[in-house]
Amino acid sequence: MDAHTLDMSVLAAERRRFLASAGRRSTNQALERREEQRRYSILLAVVTQSAVTPRLVMVRASGG
């Protein structure tokens, strides 16, 4: 999955951070219990943030 290409701009930055944080704190079982729309929003936020964060670290480390 090309998570770094997903357009999550329809969500406010704070909302994306909240969803990603909720996903990192949740167990698999807790995520399974959530309704589908909410569960996939959380998972997408986690995946996109995980894909973007290492790229930012690499750019900053290279002086960019």
PDB file of N, CA and C in Angstrom:
ATOM      1  N   MET A   1       0.852  -1.183   0.000  1.00  0.00           N
ATOM      2  CA  MET A   1       0.000   0.000   0.000  1.00  0.00           C
ATOM      3  C   MET A   1       0.892   1.238   0.000  1.00  0.00           C
ATOM      4  N   ASP A   2       0.594   2.169  -0.835  1.00  0.00           N
ATOM      5  CA  ASP A   2       1.352   3.414  -0.902  1.00  0.00           C
ATOM      6  C   ASP A   2       0.732   4.433   0.041  1.00  0.00           C
ATOM      7  N   ALA A   3       0.947   4.225   1.325  1.00  0.00           N
ATOM      8  CA  ALA A   3       0.310   5.069   2.340  1.00  0.00           C
ATOM      9  C   ALA A   3       0.712   6.526   2.204  1.00  0.00           C
ATOM     10  N   HIS A   4       1.926   6.779   1.753  1.00  0.00           N
ATOM     11  CA  HIS A   4       2.385   8.165   1.637  1.00  0.00           C
ATOM     12  C   HIS A   4       1.653   8.926   0.530  1.00  0.00           C
ATOM     13  N   THR A   5       0.904   8.206  -0.319  1.00  0.00           N
ATOM     14  CA  THR A   5       0.170   8.882  -1.389  1.00  0.00           C
ATOM     15  C   THR A   5      -1.309   9.082  -1.064  1.00  0.00           C
ATOM     16  N   LEU A   6      -1.772   8.572   0.073  1.00  0.00           N
ATOM     17  CA  LEU A   6      -3.174   8.735   0.453  1.00  0.00           C
ATOM     18  C   LEU A   6      -3.464  10.194   0.774  1.00  0.00           C
ATOM     19  N   ASP A   7      -4.595  10.686   0.311  1.00  0.00           N
ATOM     20  CA  ASP A   7      -4.979  12.072   0.568  1.00  0.00           C
ATOM     21  C   ASP A   7      -5.876  12.139   1.796  1.00  0.00           C
ATOM     22  N   MET A   8      -5.303  12.489   2.907  1.00  0.00           N
ATOM     23  CA  MET A   8      -6.053  12.600   4.154  1.00  0.00           C
ATOM     24  C   MET A   8      -6.343  14.065   4.479  1.00  0.00           C
ATOM     25  N   SER A   9      -6.174  14.937   3.487  1.00  0.00           N
ATOM     26  CA  SER A   9      -6.327  16.373   3.720  1.00  0.00           C
ATOM     27  C   SER A   9      -7.766  16.780   4.041  1.00  0.00           C
ATOM     28  N   VAL A  10      -8.726  15.888   3.789  1.00  0.00           N
ATOM     29  CA  VAL A  10     -10.114  16.218   4.129  1.00  0.00           C
ATOM     30  C   VAL A  10     -10.321  16.243   5.639  1.00  0.00           C
ATOM     31  N   LEU A  11      -9.396  15.620   6.363  1.00  0.00           N
ATOM     32  CA  LEU A  11      -9.455  15.642   7.823  1.00  0.00           C
ATOM     33  C   LEU A  11      -8.498  16.711   8.352  1.00  0.00           C
ATOM     34  N   ALA A  12      -8.934  17.394   9.372  1.00  0.00           N
ATOM     35  CA  ALA A  12      -8.066  18.391  10.010  1.00  0.00           C
ATOM     36  C   ALA A  12      -6.839  17.684  10.599  1.00  0.00           C
ATOM     37  N   ALA A  13      -5.721  18.380  10.651  1.00  0.00           N
ATOM     38  CA  ALA A  13      -4.475  17.792  11.142  1.00  0.00           C
ATOM     39  C   ALA A  13      -4.628  17.253  12.558  1.00  0.00           C
ATOM     40  N   GLU A  14      -5.319  17.999  13.402  1.00  0.00           N
ATOM     41  CA  GLU A  14      -5.515  17.543  14.785  1.00  0.00           C
ATOM     42  C   GLU A  14      -6.349  16.268  14.823  1.00  0.00           C
ATOM     43  N   ARG A  15      -7.321  16.148  13.945  1.00  0.00           N
ATOM     44  CA  ARG A  15      -8.160  14.944  13.874  1.00  0.00           C
ATOM     45  C   ARG A  15      -7.336  13.744  13.419  1.00  0.00           C
ATOM     46  N   ARG A  16      -6.464  13.949  12.438  1.00  0.00           N
ATOM     47  CA  ARG A  16      -5.585  12.870  11.982  1.00  0.00           C
ATOM     48  C   ARG A  16      -4.669  12.411  13.101  1.00  0.00           C
ATOM     49  N   ARG A  17      -4.121  13.371  13.852  1.00  0.00           N
ATOM     50  CA  ARG A  17      -3.251  13.009  14.974  1.00  0.00           C
ATOM     51  C   ARG A  17      -4.022  12.240  16.038  1.00  0.00           C
ATOM     52  N   PHE A  18      -5.254  12.682  16.312  1.00  0.00           N
ATOM     53  CA  PHE A  18      -6.088  12.008  17.301  1.00  0.00           C
ATOM     54  C   PHE A  18      -6.386  10.568  16.876  1.00  0.00           C
ATOM     55  N   LEU A  19      -6.787  10.393  15.622  1.00  0.00           N
ATOM     56  CA  LEU A  19      -7.105   9.047  15.138  1.00  0.00           C
ATOM     57  C   LEU A  19      -5.873   8.142  15.161  1.00  0.00           C
ATOM     58  N   ALA A  20      -4.728   8.664  14.756  1.00  0.00           N
ATOM     59  CA  ALA A  20      -3.498   7.872  14.765  1.00  0.00           C
ATOM     60  C   ALA A  20      -3.118   7.497  16.194  1.00  0.00           C
ATOM     61  N   SER A  21      -3.276   8.424  17.104  1.00  0.00           N
ATOM     62  CA  SER A  21      -2.978   8.152  18.509  1.00  0.00           C
ATOM     63  C   SER A  21      -3.917   7.087  19.065  1.00  0.00           C
ATOM     64  N   ALA A  22      -5.194   7.197  18.739  1.00  0.00           N
ATOM     65  CA  ALA A  22      -6.176   6.200  19.187  1.00  0.00           C
ATOM     66  C   ALA A  22      -5.829   4.823  18.624  1.00  0.00           C
ATOM     67  N   GLY A  23      -5.388   4.782  17.384  1.00  0.00           N
ATOM     68  CA  GLY A  23      -5.015   3.508  16.766  1.00  0.00           C
ATOM     69  C   GLY A  23      -3.791   2.885  17.396  1.00  0.00           C
ATOM     70  N   ARG A  24      -2.806   3.691  17.741  1.00  0.00           N
ATOM     71  CA  ARG A  24      -1.602   3.156  18.375  1.00  0.00           C
ATOM     72  C   ARG A  24      -1.890   2.629  19.774  1.00  0.00           C
ATOM     73  N   ARG A  25      -2.847   3.245  20.463  1.00  0.00           N
ATOM     74  CA  ARG A  25      -3.184   2.815  21.827  1.00  0.00           C
ATOM     75  C   ARG A  25      -4.134   1.621  21.861  1.00  0.00           C
ATOM     76  N   SER A  26      -4.870   1.389  20.782  1.00  0.00           N
ATOM     77  CA  SER A  26      -5.901   0.353  20.762  1.00  0.00           C
ATOM     78  C   SER A  26      -5.319  -1.026  20.493  1.00  0.00           C
ATOM     79  N   THR A  27      -5.930  -2.013  21.109  1.00  0.00           N
ATOM     80  CA  THR A  27      -5.567  -3.397  20.807  1.00  0.00           C
ATOM     81  C   THR A  27      -6.305  -3.822  19.551  1.00  0.00           C
ATOM     82  N   ASN A  28      -5.880  -4.935  18.975  1.00  0.00           N
ATOM     83  CA  ASN A  28      -6.572  -5.470  17.796  1.00  0.00           C
ATOM     84  C   ASN A  28      -8.031  -5.749  18.126  1.00  0.00           C
ATOM     85  N   GLN A  29      -8.252  -6.317  19.292  1.00  0.00           N
ATOM     86  CA  GLN A  29      -9.612  -6.660  19.700  1.00  0.00           C
ATOM     87  C   GLN A  29     -10.487  -5.408  19.832  1.00  0.00           C
ATOM     88  N   ALA A  30      -9.938  -4.352  20.382  1.00  0.00           N
ATOM     89  CA  ALA A  30     -10.698  -3.110  20.532  1.00  0.00           C
ATOM     90  C   ALA A  30     -11.036  -2.516  19.166  1.00  0.00           C
ATOM     91  N   LEU A  31     -10.100  -2.588  18.235  1.00  0.00           N
ATOM     92  CA  LEU A  31     -10.361  -2.081  16.886  1.00  0.00           C
ATOM     93  C   LEU A  31     -11.423  -2.923  16.182  1.00  0.00           C
ATOM     94  N   GLU A  32     -11.389  -4.228  16.402  1.00  0.00           N
ATOM     95  CA  GLU A  32     -12.388  -5.108  15.794  1.00  0.00           C
ATOM     96  C   GLU A  32     -13.797  -4.757  16.245  1.00  0.00           C
ATOM     97  N   ARG A  33     -13.935  -4.311  17.474  1.00  0.00           N
ATOM     98  CA  ARG A  33     -15.250  -4.004  18.023  1.00  0.00           C
ATOM     99  C   ARG A  33     -15.823  -2.691  17.496  1.00  0.00           C
ATOM    100  N   ARG A  34     -14.993  -1.841  16.953  1.00  0.00           N
ATOM    101  CA  ARG A  34     -15.479  -0.554  16.436  1.00  0.00           C
ATOM    102  C   ARG A  34     -16.247  -0.760  15.145  1.00  0.00           C
ATOM    103  N   GLU A  35     -17.129   0.186  14.839  1.00  0.00           N
ATOM    104  CA  GLU A  35     -17.846   0.104  13.566  1.00  0.00           C
ATOM    105  C   GLU A  35     -16.843   0.284  12.426  1.00  0.00           C
ATOM    106  N   GLU A  36     -17.164  -0.283  11.275  1.00  0.00           N
ATOM    107  CA  GLU A  36     -16.206  -0.317  10.162  1.00  0.00           C
ATOM    108  C   GLU A  36     -15.674   1.043   9.747  1.00  0.00           C
ATOM    109  N   GLN A  37     -16.551   2.009   9.585  1.00  0.00           N
ATOM    110  CA  GLN A  37     -16.104   3.321   9.116  1.00  0.00           C
ATOM    111  C   GLN A  37     -15.091   3.928  10.088  1.00  0.00           C
ATOM    112  N   ARG A  38     -15.358   3.830  11.361  1.00  0.00           N
ATOM    113  CA  ARG A  38     -14.450   4.370  12.377  1.00  0.00           C
ATOM    114  C   ARG A  38     -13.138   3.583  12.408  1.00  0.00           C
ATOM    115  N   ARG A  39     -13.244   2.255  12.348  1.00  0.00           N
ATOM    116  CA  ARG A  39     -12.059   1.392  12.409  1.00  0.00           C
ATOM    117  C   ARG A  39     -11.103   1.701  11.258  1.00  0.00           C
ATOM    118  N   TYR A  40     -11.630   1.804  10.033  1.00  0.00           N
ATOM    119  CA  TYR A  40     -10.762   2.038   8.887  1.00  0.00           C
ATOM    120  C   TYR A  40     -10.207   3.456   8.860  1.00  0.00           C
ATOM    121  N   SER A  41     -10.948   4.408   9.393  1.00  0.00           N
ATOM    122  CA  SER A  41     -10.418   5.773   9.518  1.00  0.00           C
ATOM    123  C   SER A  41      -9.214   5.781  10.455  1.00  0.00           C
ATOM    124  N   ILE A  42      -9.335   5.061  11.545  1.00  0.00           N
ATOM    125  CA  ILE A  42      -8.231   4.969  12.512  1.00  0.00           C
ATOM    126  C   ILE A  42      -7.030   4.278  11.878  1.00  0.00           C
ATOM    127  N   LEU A  43      -7.270   3.156  11.221  1.00  0.00           N
ATOM    128  CA  LEU A  43      -6.164   2.413  10.615  1.00  0.00           C
ATOM    129  C   LEU A  43      -5.469   3.217   9.514  1.00  0.00           C
ATOM    130  N   LEU A  44      -6.236   3.919   8.699  1.00  0.00           N
ATOM    131  CA  LEU A  44      -5.628   4.754   7.662  1.00  0.00           C
ATOM    132  C   LEU A  44      -4.788   5.874   8.265  1.00  0.00           C
ATOM    133  N   ALA A  45      -5.273   6.469   9.343  1.00  0.00           N
ATOM    134  CA  ALA A  45      -4.508   7.534  10.001  1.00  0.00           C
ATOM    135  C   ALA A  45      -3.185   7.001  10.537  1.00  0.00           C
ATOM    136  N   VAL A  46      -3.215   5.811  11.136  1.00  0.00           N
ATOM    137  CA  VAL A  46      -1.989   5.202  11.661  1.00  0.00           C
ATOM    138  C   VAL A  46      -1.015   4.904  10.529  1.00  0.00           C
ATOM    139  N   VAL A  47      -1.517   4.317   9.466  1.00  0.00           N
ATOM    140  CA  VAL A  47      -0.659   3.934   8.336  1.00  0.00           C
ATOM    141  C   VAL A  47      -0.049   5.161   7.670  1.00  0.00           C
ATOM    142  N   THR A  48      -0.860   6.179   7.424  1.00  0.00           N
ATOM    143  CA  THR A  48      -0.315   7.367   6.753  1.00  0.00           C
ATOM    144  C   THR A  48       0.690   8.090   7.632  1.00  0.00           C
ATOM    145  N   GLN A  49       0.412   8.172   8.924  1.00  0.00           N
ATOM    146  CA  GLN A  49       1.364   8.835   9.810  1.00  0.00           C
ATOM    147  C   GLN A  49       2.657   8.029   9.916  1.00  0.00           C
ATOM    148  N   SER A  50       2.539   6.717   9.952  1.00  0.00           N
ATOM    149  CA  SER A  50       3.724   5.860  10.024  1.00  0.00           C
ATOM    150  C   SER A  50       4.554   5.960   8.754  1.00  0.00           C
ATOM    151  N   ALA A  51       3.901   6.132   7.609  1.00  0.00           N
ATOM    152  CA  ALA A  51       4.620   6.241   6.335  1.00  0.00           C
ATOM    153  C   ALA A  51       5.280   7.601   6.186  1.00  0.00           C
ATOM    154  N   VAL A  52       4.656   8.637   6.704  1.00  0.00           N
ATOM    155  CA  VAL A  52       5.172   9.999   6.541  1.00  0.00           C
ATOM    156  C   VAL A  52       6.276  10.298   7.539  1.00  0.00           C
ATOM    157  N   THR A  53       6.146   9.854   8.774  1.00  0.00           N
ATOM    158  CA  THR A  53       7.111  10.180   9.828  1.00  0.00           C
ATOM    159  C   THR A  53       8.538   9.739   9.481  1.00  0.00           C
ATOM    160  N   PRO A  54       8.773   8.496   9.047  1.00  0.00           N
ATOM    161  CA  PRO A  54      10.157   8.121   8.696  1.00  0.00           C
ATOM    162  C   PRO A  54      10.727   8.958   7.553  1.00  0.00           C
ATOM    163  N   ARG A  55       9.882   9.356   6.593  1.00  0.00           N
ATOM    164  CA  ARG A  55      10.360  10.195   5.495  1.00  0.00           C
ATOM    165  C   ARG A  55      10.820  11.547   6.015  1.00  0.00           C
ATOM    166  N   LEU A  56      10.073  12.122   6.970  1.00  0.00           N
ATOM    167  CA  LEU A  56      10.476  13.410   7.534  1.00  0.00           C
ATOM    168  C   LEU A  56      11.783  13.287   8.292  1.00  0.00           C
ATOM    169  N   VAL A  57      11.945  12.196   9.005  1.00  0.00           N
ATOM    170  CA  VAL A  57      13.190  11.970   9.752  1.00  0.00           C
ATOM    171  C   VAL A  57      14.360  11.862   8.785  1.00  0.00           C
ATOM    172  N   MET A  58      14.169  11.142   7.672  1.00  0.00           N
ATOM    173  CA  MET A  58      15.252  10.993   6.692  1.00  0.00           C
ATOM    174  C   MET A  58      15.594  12.330   6.047  1.00  0.00           C
ATOM    175  N   VAL A  59      14.594  13.135   5.750  1.00  0.00           N
ATOM    176  CA  VAL A  59      14.825  14.439   5.130  1.00  0.00           C
ATOM    177  C   VAL A  59      15.563  15.355   6.096  1.00  0.00           C
ATOM    178  N   ARG A  60      15.135  15.375   7.332  1.00  0.00           N
ATOM    179  CA  ARG A  60      15.788  16.236   8.333  1.00  0.00           C
ATOM    180  C   ARG A  60      17.217  15.773   8.597  1.00  0.00           C
ATOM    181  N   ALA A  61      17.424  14.465   8.621  1.00  0.00           N
ATOM    182  CA  ALA A  61      18.770  13.932   8.876  1.00  0.00           C
ATOM    183  C   ALA A  61      19.721  14.270   7.731  1.00  0.00           C
ATOM    184  N   SER A  62      19.194  14.364   6.509  1.00  0.00           N
ATOM    185  CA  SER A  62      20.038  14.659   5.367  1.00  0.00           C
ATOM    186  C   SER A  62      20.251  16.166   5.168  1.00  0.00           C
ATOM    187  N   GLY A  63      19.644  16.957   6.049  1.00  0.00           N
ATOM    188  CA  GLY A  63      19.828  18.398   5.963  1.00  0.00           C
ATOM    189  C   GLY A  63      18.832  19.090   5.073  1.00  0.00           C
ATOM    190  N   GLY A  64      17.760  18.407   4.672  1.00  0.00           N
ATOM    191  CA  GLY A  64      16.777  18.970   3.755  1.00  0.00           C
ATOM    192  C   GLY A  64      15.675  19.712   4.384  1.00  0.00           C
TER     193      GLY A  64
END
